[in-house]
Amino acid sequence: MFNKIAMSGLSRQDYMTNAILNAPIKVFATRNVIDSCKSELQEILSELKRVKEYGELDANYRHELRMIVEIIDAAIQEKSL
């Protein structure tokens, strides 16, 4: 692992930060996850009704929307296995 860090040209802290932030996360579609997604989608829906184009949507809402889509995609793929 230390060789990978050295070869990356990054400091240990930067390497670990990048590894953590860019690591794939497996989400299980529990009732809590679904309820959380519903809640976030309600908030995003209100914001979408306010704006005229997706580009006007706040960056945080766009990020949350992408995360929710990834969760839904993962749940669909898991069910089809």
C-alpha atoms as a PDB file:
ATOM      1  CA  MET A   1       0.000   0.000   0.000  1.00  0.00           C
ATOM      2  CA  PHE A   2       2.798   2.420   0.843  1.00  0.00           C
ATOM      3  CA  ASN A   3       4.311   1.772  -2.591  1.00  0.00           C
ATOM      4  CA  LYS A   4       1.029   2.758  -4.237  1.00  0.00           C
ATOM      5  CA  ILE A   5       0.972   5.956  -2.210  1.00  0.00           C
ATOM      6  CA  ALA A   6       4.590   6.753  -3.108  1.00  0.00           C
ATOM      7  CA  MET A   7       3.989   6.060  -6.813  1.00  0.00           C
ATOM      8  CA  SER A   8       0.895   8.261  -6.835  1.00  0.00           C
ATOM      9  CA  GLY A   9       2.955  11.359  -6.106  1.00  0.00           C
ATOM     10  CA  LEU A  10       0.462  12.401  -3.454  1.00  0.00           C
ATOM     11  CA  SER A  11       0.972  12.825   0.250  1.00  0.00           C
ATOM     12  CA  ARG A  12      -0.435  10.020   2.407  1.00  0.00           C
ATOM     13  CA  GLN A  13      -3.220  12.293   3.569  1.00  0.00           C
ATOM     14  CA  ASP A  14      -4.174  13.328   0.016  1.00  0.00           C
ATOM     15  CA  TYR A  15      -3.983   9.734  -1.202  1.00  0.00           C
ATOM     16  CA  MET A  16      -6.206   8.473   1.628  1.00  0.00           C
ATOM     17  CA  THR A  17      -8.659  11.352   1.187  1.00  0.00           C
ATOM     18  CA  ASN A  18      -8.957  10.608  -2.540  1.00  0.00           C
ATOM     19  CA  ALA A  19      -9.327   6.887  -1.870  1.00  0.00           C
ATOM     20  CA  ILE A  20     -12.121   7.477   0.633  1.00  0.00           C
ATOM     21  CA  LEU A  21     -13.971  10.076  -1.424  1.00  0.00           C
ATOM     22  CA  ASN A  22     -13.773   8.076  -4.662  1.00  0.00           C
ATOM     23  CA  ALA A  23     -14.391   4.599  -3.266  1.00  0.00           C
ATOM     24  CA  PRO A  24     -17.523   2.846  -4.504  1.00  0.00           C
ATOM     25  CA  ILE A  25     -20.192   2.552  -1.862  1.00  0.00           C
ATOM     26  CA  LYS A  26     -22.622  -0.339  -1.742  1.00  0.00           C
ATOM     27  CA  VAL A  27     -26.049   0.746  -0.527  1.00  0.00           C
ATOM     28  CA  PHE A  28     -28.718  -1.678   0.609  1.00  0.00           C
ATOM     29  CA  ALA A  29     -32.268  -0.582  -0.116  1.00  0.00           C
ATOM     30  CA  THR A  30     -33.596  -0.756   3.413  1.00  0.00           C
ATOM     31  CA  ARG A  31     -36.753   1.004   4.494  1.00  0.00           C
ATOM     32  CA  ASN A  32     -34.644   3.823   5.993  1.00  0.00           C
ATOM     33  CA  VAL A  33     -32.734   4.349   2.735  1.00  0.00           C
ATOM     34  CA  ILE A  34     -35.960   4.398   0.737  1.00  0.00           C
ATOM     35  CA  ASP A  35     -37.582   6.853   3.160  1.00  0.00           C
ATOM     36  CA  SER A  36     -34.504   9.080   3.027  1.00  0.00           C
ATOM     37  CA  CYS A  37     -34.573   9.044  -0.781  1.00  0.00           C
ATOM     38  CA  LYS A  38     -38.279   9.905  -0.778  1.00  0.00           C
ATOM     39  CA  SER A  39     -37.664  12.828   1.533  1.00  0.00           C
ATOM     40  CA  GLU A  40     -34.795  14.145  -0.587  1.00  0.00           C
ATOM     41  CA  LEU A  41     -36.816  13.684  -3.774  1.00  0.00           C
ATOM     42  CA  GLN A  42     -39.688  15.738  -2.311  1.00  0.00           C
ATOM     43  CA  GLU A  43     -37.279  18.577  -1.609  1.00  0.00           C
ATOM     44  CA  ILE A  44     -35.705  18.289  -5.069  1.00  0.00           C
ATOM     45  CA  LEU A  45     -39.155  18.193  -6.680  1.00  0.00           C
ATOM     46  CA  SER A  46     -40.074  21.472  -5.001  1.00  0.00           C
ATOM     47  CA  GLU A  47     -36.879  23.007  -6.309  1.00  0.00           C
ATOM     48  CA  LEU A  48     -37.432  21.577  -9.811  1.00  0.00           C
ATOM     49  CA  LYS A  49     -40.877  23.189  -9.926  1.00  0.00           C
ATOM     50  CA  ARG A  50     -39.222  26.516  -9.125  1.00  0.00           C
ATOM     51  CA  VAL A  51     -36.494  26.412 -11.788  1.00  0.00           C
ATOM     52  CA  LYS A  52     -37.019  26.323 -15.538  1.00  0.00           C
ATOM     53  CA  GLU A  53     -33.973  24.260 -16.523  1.00  0.00           C
ATOM     54  CA  TYR A  54     -31.871  21.546 -14.891  1.00  0.00           C
ATOM     55  CA  GLY A  55     -28.811  23.787 -15.172  1.00  0.00           C
ATOM     56  CA  GLU A  56     -30.482  26.301 -12.845  1.00  0.00           C
ATOM     57  CA  LEU A  57     -30.831  23.633 -10.166  1.00  0.00           C
ATOM     58  CA  ASP A  58     -28.494  24.138  -7.207  1.00  0.00           C
ATOM     59  CA  ALA A  59     -25.345  21.994  -7.439  1.00  0.00           C
ATOM     60  CA  ASN A  60     -26.163  20.262  -4.135  1.00  0.00           C
ATOM     61  CA  TYR A  61     -29.561  19.168  -5.447  1.00  0.00           C
ATOM     62  CA  ARG A  62     -27.967  17.919  -8.694  1.00  0.00           C
ATOM     63  CA  HIS A  63     -25.449  15.895  -6.679  1.00  0.00           C
ATOM     64  CA  GLU A  64     -28.181  14.432  -4.443  1.00  0.00           C
ATOM     65  CA  LEU A  65     -30.296  13.591  -7.478  1.00  0.00           C
ATOM     66  CA  ARG A  66     -27.364  11.731  -9.085  1.00  0.00           C
ATOM     67  CA  MET A  67     -26.795   9.806  -5.827  1.00  0.00           C
ATOM     68  CA  ILE A  68     -30.456   8.806  -5.648  1.00  0.00           C
ATOM     69  CA  VAL A  69     -30.384   7.648  -9.271  1.00  0.00           C
ATOM     70  CA  GLU A  70     -27.298   5.529  -8.498  1.00  0.00           C
ATOM     71  CA  ILE A  71     -29.062   3.994  -5.486  1.00  0.00           C
ATOM     72  CA  ILE A  72     -32.143   3.175  -7.568  1.00  0.00           C
ATOM     73  CA  ASP A  73     -29.986   1.704 -10.369  1.00  0.00           C
ATOM     74  CA  ALA A  74     -28.107  -0.462  -7.873  1.00  0.00           C
ATOM     75  CA  ALA A  75     -31.364  -1.676  -6.327  1.00  0.00           C
ATOM     76  CA  ILE A  76     -32.752  -2.568  -9.766  1.00  0.00           C
ATOM     77  CA  GLN A  77     -29.571  -4.451 -10.711  1.00  0.00           C
ATOM     78  CA  GLU A  78     -29.588  -6.326  -7.388  1.00  0.00           C
ATOM     79  CA  LYS A  79     -33.193  -7.430  -7.908  1.00  0.00           C
ATOM     80  CA  SER A  80     -32.419  -8.717 -11.407  1.00  0.00           C
ATOM     81  CA  LEU A  81     -29.558 -10.944 -10.197  1.00  0.00           C
END
